[in-house]
Protein backbone atom coordinates (compact mmCIF):
# COMPACT_ATOMS: atom_id res chain seq x y z
CA MET A 1 -39.08 -25.48 -28.71
CA GLN A 2 -36.38 -22.80 -28.94
CA ILE A 3 -36.76 -20.06 -26.35
CA ALA A 4 -36.28 -16.52 -27.68
CA HIS A 5 -34.63 -13.79 -25.61
CA ASN A 6 -33.67 -10.17 -25.85
CA ASP A 7 -31.37 -8.04 -23.71
CA PHE A 8 -34.20 -6.15 -22.02
CA GLN A 9 -35.98 -9.34 -20.97
CA ASP A 10 -32.75 -10.84 -19.67
CA GLN A 11 -31.87 -7.77 -17.61
CA LEU A 12 -35.43 -7.48 -16.30
CA VAL A 13 -35.60 -11.10 -15.14
CA ARG A 14 -32.13 -11.04 -13.57
CA GLY A 15 -32.81 -7.70 -11.87
CA LEU A 16 -36.15 -8.83 -10.46
CA ALA A 17 -34.74 -12.18 -9.35
CA HIS A 18 -31.81 -10.48 -7.59
CA ARG A 19 -34.06 -8.03 -5.72
CA MET A 20 -36.64 -10.68 -4.85
CA ASN A 21 -33.99 -13.03 -3.49
CA ASN A 22 -32.66 -10.20 -1.30
CA ILE A 23 -36.16 -9.68 0.10
CA LEU A 24 -36.73 -13.40 0.55
CA SER A 25 -33.44 -13.78 2.39
CA LEU A 26 -34.84 -11.38 5.03
CA PHE A 27 -37.89 -13.64 5.36
CA HIS A 28 -35.67 -16.66 5.89
CA GLY A 29 -33.44 -14.89 8.38
CA TYR A 30 -36.14 -13.41 10.58
CA LEU A 31 -38.36 -16.48 10.42
CA SER A 32 -35.48 -18.68 11.56
CA LEU A 33 -35.10 -16.46 14.63
CA VAL A 34 -38.82 -16.24 15.38
CA VAL A 35 -39.55 -19.98 15.19
CA GLU A 36 -36.99 -20.57 17.93
CA ASN A 37 -39.23 -18.70 20.40
CA GLU A 38 -40.50 -21.41 22.75
CA LYS A 39 -43.37 -19.20 23.94
CA LEU A 40 -45.21 -19.37 20.60
CA ASP A 41 -48.25 -21.62 20.42
CA PRO A 42 -48.38 -24.55 17.95
CA ALA A 43 -50.83 -22.83 15.59
CA THR A 44 -48.55 -19.80 15.25
CA LEU A 45 -45.51 -22.00 14.69
CA ASP A 46 -47.42 -23.93 12.02
CA GLY A 47 -48.34 -20.68 10.27
CA LEU A 48 -44.74 -19.45 10.38
CA ALA A 49 -43.56 -22.78 8.94
CA LYS A 50 -45.95 -22.34 6.02
CA ILE A 51 -44.65 -18.81 5.42
CA LYS A 52 -41.08 -20.10 5.44
CA LEU A 53 -42.00 -22.86 2.99
CA GLY A 54 -43.61 -20.29 0.71
CA ALA A 55 -40.46 -18.15 0.81
CA SER A 56 -38.37 -21.19 -0.13
CA GLN A 57 -40.68 -21.98 -3.04
CA ALA A 58 -40.51 -18.36 -4.20
CA SER A 59 -36.70 -18.48 -4.13
CA GLU A 60 -36.75 -21.67 -6.21
CA LEU A 61 -39.11 -20.00 -8.69
CA MET A 62 -36.73 -17.04 -9.04
CA ASP A 63 -33.82 -19.41 -9.66
CA ARG A 64 -35.78 -21.24 -12.35
CA ALA A 65 -36.83 -17.98 -13.99
CA GLN A 66 -33.17 -16.94 -14.21
CA ALA A 67 -32.39 -20.25 -15.87
CA LEU A 68 -34.61 -19.27 -18.80
CA VAL A 69 -32.68 -16.13 -19.75
CA ARG A 70 -29.36 -16.02 -21.55
CA PRO A 71 -26.90 -18.15 -19.61
CA THR A 72 -24.01 -16.81 -17.64
CA ALA A 73 -20.58 -18.27 -18.37
CA SER A 74 -20.57 -22.05 -18.27
CA VAL A 75 -18.01 -24.11 -16.41
CA LEU A 76 -17.21 -26.78 -18.99
CA ARG A 77 -15.42 -30.03 -18.26
CA GLU A 78 -15.34 -33.62 -19.42
CA ILE A 79 -18.03 -35.63 -17.64
CA ASP A 80 -18.31 -39.38 -17.33
CA LEU A 81 -22.10 -39.39 -17.52
CA GLY A 82 -22.52 -42.93 -16.19
CA GLN A 83 -20.55 -42.19 -13.04
CA TYR A 84 -22.23 -38.81 -12.72
CA LEU A 85 -25.70 -40.36 -12.76
CA HIS A 86 -24.73 -42.83 -10.05
CA MET A 87 -23.38 -39.94 -7.98
CA LEU A 88 -26.74 -38.17 -8.34
CA ARG A 89 -28.76 -41.32 -7.58
CA PRO A 90 -29.10 -40.86 -3.78
CA GLY A 91 -30.58 -37.39 -4.29
CA PHE A 92 -33.45 -38.80 -6.34
CA GLU A 93 -34.88 -40.49 -3.24
CA GLU A 94 -36.34 -37.25 -1.94
CA PHE A 95 -38.70 -37.05 -4.94
CA ARG A 96 -40.19 -40.52 -4.94
CA GLY A 97 -43.45 -41.50 -3.30
CA PRO A 98 -43.74 -44.28 -0.71
CA ARG A 99 -44.78 -46.80 -3.39
CA THR A 100 -42.45 -45.63 -6.15
CA GLU A 101 -39.33 -47.58 -7.07
CA ILE A 102 -36.37 -45.99 -8.83
CA GLU A 103 -34.22 -48.14 -11.10
CA MET A 104 -31.05 -47.16 -12.94
CA GLU A 105 -29.03 -48.79 -15.70
CA THR A 106 -25.87 -47.31 -17.22
CA PRO A 107 -23.35 -49.20 -19.39
CA GLU A 108 -19.72 -49.00 -18.36
CA ASP A 109 -18.43 -48.03 -21.82
CA LEU A 110 -20.37 -44.78 -22.31
CA PRO A 111 -18.47 -41.96 -24.04
CA SER A 112 -18.02 -38.75 -22.09
CA VAL A 113 -19.78 -35.45 -22.59
CA HIS A 114 -18.19 -31.98 -22.52
CA GLY A 115 -20.49 -29.73 -20.57
CA ASP A 116 -21.49 -27.80 -17.48
CA ALA A 117 -22.04 -30.36 -14.72
CA ALA A 118 -24.44 -28.17 -12.70
CA ARG A 119 -26.74 -27.56 -15.67
CA ILE A 120 -26.70 -31.18 -16.78
CA ARG A 121 -27.54 -32.17 -13.21
CA THR A 122 -30.49 -29.76 -13.18
CA ALA A 123 -31.81 -31.10 -16.48
CA VAL A 124 -31.61 -34.72 -15.29
CA VAL A 125 -33.14 -33.90 -11.90
CA GLU A 126 -36.11 -32.15 -13.51
CA LEU A 127 -36.86 -35.22 -15.65
CA VAL A 128 -36.54 -37.59 -12.70
CA LYS A 129 -38.66 -35.32 -10.50
CA ASN A 130 -41.43 -35.30 -13.12
CA GLY A 131 -41.37 -39.10 -13.30
CA CYS A 132 -41.53 -39.42 -9.52
CA GLU A 133 -44.40 -36.95 -9.28
CA ALA A 134 -46.32 -38.89 -11.95
CA THR A 135 -46.12 -42.05 -9.82
CA PHE A 136 -46.31 -40.43 -6.39
CA ALA A 137 -49.96 -41.14 -5.70
CA SER A 138 -50.49 -44.41 -7.55
CA GLY A 139 -47.04 -45.94 -7.11
CA GLY A 140 -44.96 -47.47 -9.88
CA THR A 141 -41.46 -47.44 -11.30
CA VAL A 142 -39.22 -44.67 -12.55
CA ARG A 143 -36.45 -46.15 -14.69
CA ILE A 144 -33.35 -44.12 -15.57
CA GLU A 145 -31.21 -45.40 -18.43
CA ALA A 146 -28.20 -44.01 -20.27
CA ARG A 147 -27.04 -45.09 -23.70
CA ALA A 148 -24.95 -43.96 -26.66
CA GLU A 149 -26.52 -43.43 -30.07
CA ALA A 150 -25.06 -42.71 -33.49
CA THR A 151 -26.88 -40.54 -36.01
CA PRO A 152 -27.47 -42.42 -39.29
CA ASN A 153 -25.22 -41.23 -42.14
CA SER A 154 -23.30 -38.97 -39.78
CA ARG A 155 -20.34 -39.09 -37.43
CA THR A 156 -22.39 -37.41 -34.70
CA LYS A 157 -22.77 -39.44 -31.52
CA TRP A 158 -25.21 -38.73 -28.75
CA LEU A 159 -25.50 -39.57 -25.10
CA VAL A 160 -29.11 -40.18 -24.18
CA VAL A 161 -30.50 -40.21 -20.65
CA SER A 162 -34.04 -41.57 -20.68
CA VAL A 163 -36.43 -41.40 -17.74
CA THR A 164 -39.45 -43.71 -18.04
CA ASP A 165 -42.37 -43.78 -15.63
CA ASP A 166 -45.53 -45.88 -15.58
CA GLY A 167 -47.75 -43.08 -14.29
CA PRO A 168 -51.03 -42.02 -15.92
CA GLY A 169 -49.39 -40.38 -18.93
CA ILE A 170 -49.94 -36.96 -20.48
CA PRO A 171 -53.05 -36.41 -22.65
CA ALA A 172 -52.16 -36.15 -26.33
CA GLU A 173 -53.93 -32.80 -26.72
CA ILE A 174 -51.56 -31.03 -24.30
CA GLN A 175 -48.26 -32.80 -25.01
CA GLU A 176 -47.08 -29.98 -27.30
CA ARG A 177 -47.51 -27.50 -24.44
CA VAL A 178 -45.40 -29.21 -21.78
CA PHE A 179 -42.28 -27.18 -22.64
CA THR A 180 -44.16 -23.87 -22.48
CA PRO A 181 -43.01 -21.74 -19.51
CA PHE A 182 -45.42 -21.89 -16.54
CA PHE A 183 -47.60 -24.58 -18.10
CA SER A 184 -48.12 -27.51 -15.75
CA THR A 185 -50.15 -30.72 -15.75
CA LYS A 186 -49.82 -30.96 -11.98
CA LYS A 187 -52.73 -30.17 -9.67
CA LYS A 188 -50.47 -28.86 -6.92
CA GLN A 189 -50.90 -25.14 -6.28
CA ASN A 190 -47.16 -24.62 -5.95
CA ALA A 191 -46.30 -26.23 -9.29
CA ALA A 192 -44.16 -23.68 -11.15
CA GLY A 193 -44.51 -25.21 -14.59
CA LEU A 194 -40.85 -24.52 -15.36
CA GLY A 195 -39.16 -27.92 -14.91
CA LEU A 196 -39.27 -29.14 -18.51
CA THR A 197 -38.69 -25.62 -19.83
CA VAL A 198 -35.48 -25.33 -17.81
CA ALA A 199 -34.35 -28.84 -18.81
CA GLN A 200 -34.92 -28.05 -22.49
CA ASN A 201 -33.13 -24.71 -22.19
CA TYR A 202 -30.06 -26.29 -20.57
CA ALA A 203 -30.03 -29.09 -23.14
CA GLN A 204 -30.09 -26.53 -25.96
CA GLN A 205 -27.16 -24.69 -24.35
CA HIS A 206 -25.22 -27.95 -24.87
CA GLN A 207 -26.44 -28.30 -28.48
CA GLY A 208 -28.79 -31.03 -27.33
CA SER A 209 -32.50 -31.40 -26.70
CA VAL A 210 -35.20 -32.93 -24.54
CA LYS A 211 -37.79 -35.20 -26.15
CA LEU A 212 -41.02 -36.39 -24.56
CA GLU A 213 -43.31 -39.26 -25.58
CA SER A 214 -46.36 -40.24 -23.58
CA GLU A 215 -49.31 -42.57 -23.72
CA PRO A 216 -51.69 -43.86 -21.04
CA GLY A 217 -49.61 -45.73 -18.46
CA ARG A 218 -46.19 -44.72 -19.82
CA THR A 219 -44.14 -41.54 -20.30
CA VAL A 220 -40.57 -41.38 -21.61
CA ALA A 221 -38.48 -38.22 -21.34
CA GLU A 222 -35.09 -38.20 -23.08
CA LEU A 223 -32.20 -35.82 -22.57
CA ARG A 224 -29.89 -35.90 -25.61
CA LEU A 225 -26.38 -34.47 -25.42
CA PRO A 226 -23.56 -34.60 -27.99
CA ALA A 227 -20.93 -37.13 -26.98
CA GLN A 228 -17.17 -36.55 -27.02
């Protein structure tokens, strides 16, 4: 799915996100001061904590919305994707449920990719987060693999990062909608429905793509990037 933009939409989203983040920063600042008041009762502190969490979620939503408009200048460099994934590995622990295991396999001879490390990180994290959320309640395994692929009858080579989970799967009738902005299969009220949209957008900025295949008991999400 290719996301269409125009200048007005881009300026509107960036302008709103900038103003909203300024407002939300006031929430964060004042709440941090208030919650330090030892005279507040536990119920009030609990309510303030929920407000602070909501402000954090709103800030994350604004950041994701900005990711969908035309990108600002990228910081491109050569990335050893295998090493990069292992560097990101500890951060994946915060997403997994108590009965979810995360496995990773990356060959040592992977070609490099020329790209923006922050955006590639975001794309990978969104795929891993989805896999962990799919197995959070029931438990299971999220397997992260990287491999190189050659396109038949072409010199084009690809680096593929696949994230496989053994969660319940995505019903066939809604699989085409999973990249639609704000569409979510999650039952959580705070689900933004932007994770796969952002991952796809960042992949497309690198002339790549995100592919999803799902059946009952198994979902595979693949991030494909052109190799060096």
